[in-house]
C-alpha atoms as a PDB file:
ATOM      1  CA  MET A   1      -0.037   0.025  -0.023  1.00  0.00           C
ATOM      2  CA  ASN A   2       1.128   3.541  -0.748  1.00  0.00           C
ATOM      3  CA  ASN A   3       2.574   5.228   2.399  1.00  0.00           C
ATOM      4  CA  LYS A   4       0.546   8.419   1.871  1.00  0.00           C
ATOM      5  CA  ILE A   5      -2.724   6.522   1.829  1.00  0.00           C
ATOM      6  CA  ALA A   6      -1.706   4.479   4.872  1.00  0.00           C
ATOM      7  CA  VAL A   7      -0.692   7.436   6.911  1.00  0.00           C
ATOM      8  CA  GLU A   8      -3.766   9.450   6.022  1.00  0.00           C
ATOM      9  CA  SER A   9      -5.898   6.490   6.871  1.00  0.00           C
ATOM     10  CA  LEU A  10      -4.093   6.100  10.159  1.00  0.00           C
ATOM     11  CA  SER A  11      -4.797   9.790  10.820  1.00  0.00           C
ATOM     12  CA  MET A  12      -8.561   9.244  10.232  1.00  0.00           C
ATOM     13  CA  ASP A  13      -8.564   6.133  12.456  1.00  0.00           C
ATOM     14  CA  LEU A  14      -6.889   8.037  15.223  1.00  0.00           C
ATOM     15  CA  LEU A  15      -9.463  10.878  14.847  1.00  0.00           C
ATOM     16  CA  ARG A  16     -12.276   8.366  15.172  1.00  0.00           C
ATOM     17  CA  ILE A  17     -10.672   6.861  18.336  1.00  0.00           C
ATOM     18  CA  ALA A  18     -10.406  10.349  19.929  1.00  0.00           C
ATOM     19  CA  ASN A  19     -14.047  11.136  19.080  1.00  0.00           C
ATOM     20  CA  GLY A  20     -15.172   7.818  20.427  1.00  0.00           C
ATOM     21  CA  LEU A  21     -13.279   8.316  23.687  1.00  0.00           C
ATOM     22  CA  TYR A  22     -14.577  11.842  24.126  1.00  0.00           C
ATOM     23  CA  LYS A  23     -18.135  10.724  23.577  1.00  0.00           C
ATOM     24  CA  GLY A  24     -17.777   7.691  25.847  1.00  0.00           C
ATOM     25  CA  SER A  25     -18.322   5.177  23.025  1.00  0.00           C
ATOM     26  CA  TYR A  26     -15.560   2.752  24.077  1.00  0.00           C
ATOM     27  CA  LYS A  27     -16.720  -0.019  21.785  1.00  0.00           C
ATOM     28  CA  THR A  28     -16.239   2.228  18.678  1.00  0.00           C
ATOM     29  CA  ALA A  29     -12.909   3.491  19.994  1.00  0.00           C
ATOM     30  CA  GLY A  30     -11.777  -0.156  20.540  1.00  0.00           C
ATOM     31  CA  ARG A  31     -12.767  -1.115  17.009  1.00  0.00           C
ATOM     32  CA  PHE A  32     -10.831   1.767  15.438  1.00  0.00           C
ATOM     33  CA  THR A  33      -7.885   1.082  17.810  1.00  0.00           C
ATOM     34  CA  ASP A  34      -7.564  -2.381  16.240  1.00  0.00           C
ATOM     35  CA  GLU A  35      -7.733  -0.728  12.779  1.00  0.00           C
ATOM     36  CA  ALA A  36      -5.105   1.813  13.663  1.00  0.00           C
ATOM     37  CA  LEU A  37      -2.696  -0.842  15.023  1.00  0.00           C
ATOM     38  CA  MET A  38      -3.047  -2.846  11.766  1.00  0.00           C
ATOM     39  CA  ARG A  39      -2.540   0.339   9.806  1.00  0.00           C
ATOM     40  CA  THR A  40       0.713   1.071  11.532  1.00  0.00           C
ATOM     41  CA  MET A  41       2.011  -2.355  10.368  1.00  0.00           C
ATOM     42  CA  GLU A  42       1.187  -1.467   6.752  1.00  0.00           C
ATOM     43  CA  ILE A  43       3.420   1.576   6.668  1.00  0.00           C
ATOM     44  CA  ASN A  44       6.887   1.107   5.225  1.00  0.00           C
ATOM     45  CA  THR A  45       9.154   2.802   7.784  1.00  0.00           C
ATOM     46  CA  LYS A  46      12.254   2.600   5.610  1.00  0.00           C
ATOM     47  CA  THR A  47      11.111   5.551   3.487  1.00  0.00           C
ATOM     48  CA  LEU A  48       9.956   7.734   6.361  1.00  0.00           C
ATOM     49  CA  LYS A  49      11.853  10.415   8.198  1.00  0.00           C
ATOM     50  CA  PRO A  50      13.363   9.135  11.519  1.00  0.00           C
ATOM     51  CA  TYR A  51      11.274  11.337  13.740  1.00  0.00           C
ATOM     52  CA  PHE A  52       8.032  10.040  12.191  1.00  0.00           C
ATOM     53  CA  THR A  53       9.186   6.459  12.747  1.00  0.00           C
ATOM     54  CA  LYS A  54       9.464   7.369  16.472  1.00  0.00           C
ATOM     55  CA  ILE A  55       5.951   8.875  16.312  1.00  0.00           C
ATOM     56  CA  LEU A  56       4.628   5.590  14.941  1.00  0.00           C
ATOM     57  CA  TYR A  57       6.282   3.771  17.805  1.00  0.00           C
ATOM     58  CA  ASP A  58       4.672   6.179  20.258  1.00  0.00           C
ATOM     59  CA  ILE A  59       1.280   5.671  18.607  1.00  0.00           C
ATOM     60  CA  ASN A  60       1.604   1.917  19.078  1.00  0.00           C
ATOM     61  CA  THR A  61       2.580   2.366  22.718  1.00  0.00           C
ATOM     62  CA  CYS A  62      -0.277   4.764  23.385  1.00  0.00           C
ATOM     63  CA  LEU A  63      -2.830   2.454  21.747  1.00  0.00           C
ATOM     64  CA  SER A  64      -1.540  -0.676  23.373  1.00  0.00           C
ATOM     65  CA  ASN A  65      -1.728   0.702  26.953  1.00  0.00           C
ATOM     66  CA  LYS A  66      -4.900   0.709  28.995  1.00  0.00           C
ATOM     67  CA  PRO A  67      -6.883   3.979  28.157  1.00  0.00           C
ATOM     68  CA  ARG A  68      -6.417   6.741  30.637  1.00  0.00           C
ATOM     69  CA  GLU A  69      -7.626  10.302  30.940  1.00  0.00           C
ATOM     70  CA  ARG A  70      -5.164  11.744  28.477  1.00  0.00           C
ATOM     71  CA  THR A  71      -5.502   9.042  25.902  1.00  0.00           C
ATOM     72  CA  ALA A  72      -8.087  10.875  23.777  1.00  0.00           C
ATOM     73  CA  GLU A  73      -5.991  14.034  23.740  1.00  0.00           C
ATOM     74  CA  ASP A  74      -2.809  12.109  22.859  1.00  0.00           C
ATOM     75  CA  VAL A  75      -4.571  10.226  20.025  1.00  0.00           C
ATOM     76  CA  LEU A  76      -5.943  13.510  18.649  1.00  0.00           C
ATOM     77  CA  MET A  77      -2.425  14.997  18.651  1.00  0.00           C
ATOM     78  CA  TYR A  78      -1.088  12.025  16.817  1.00  0.00           C
ATOM     79  CA  SER A  79      -3.829  12.234  14.290  1.00  0.00           C
ATOM     80  CA  ILE A  80      -2.885  15.776  13.472  1.00  0.00           C
ATOM     81  CA  LEU A  81       0.814  14.911  13.325  1.00  0.00           C
ATOM     82  CA  CYS A  82       0.086  12.078  10.833  1.00  0.00           C
ATOM     83  CA  LYS A  83      -2.126  14.301   8.657  1.00  0.00           C
ATOM     84  CA  ASN A  84       0.516  17.067   8.539  1.00  0.00           C
ATOM     85  CA  TYR A  85       3.303  14.629   7.746  1.00  0.00           C
ATOM     86  CA  ALA A  86       1.352  13.037   4.933  1.00  0.00           C
ATOM     87  CA  ARG A  87       0.536  16.403   3.420  1.00  0.00           C
ATOM     88  CA  LYS A  88       4.046  17.809   3.656  1.00  0.00           C
ATOM     89  CA  TYR A  89       6.382  14.844   2.994  1.00  0.00           C
ATOM     90  CA  LEU A  90       4.440  12.149   1.172  1.00  0.00           C
ATOM     91  CA  SER A  91       3.343  12.439  -2.426  1.00  0.00           C
END
């Protein structure tokens, strides 16, 4: 899969997780968490900038841990970082 599509899709999945957590819909958030974790595996990290590879690692760590108060805010931040990276560096 093209890295741009995968990163943008990851961004949308993360946005849906954040919205689900904010609204208290944990079932929806859980479903999109699984999708986002699969999406991170589809991304070819060899062609990415090193700092974004670390961000992907941090996303995996954030999604793999038990949800806490800041999880929705963290996931929303990662969503925006993914979207900005895809727009600026991936074609």
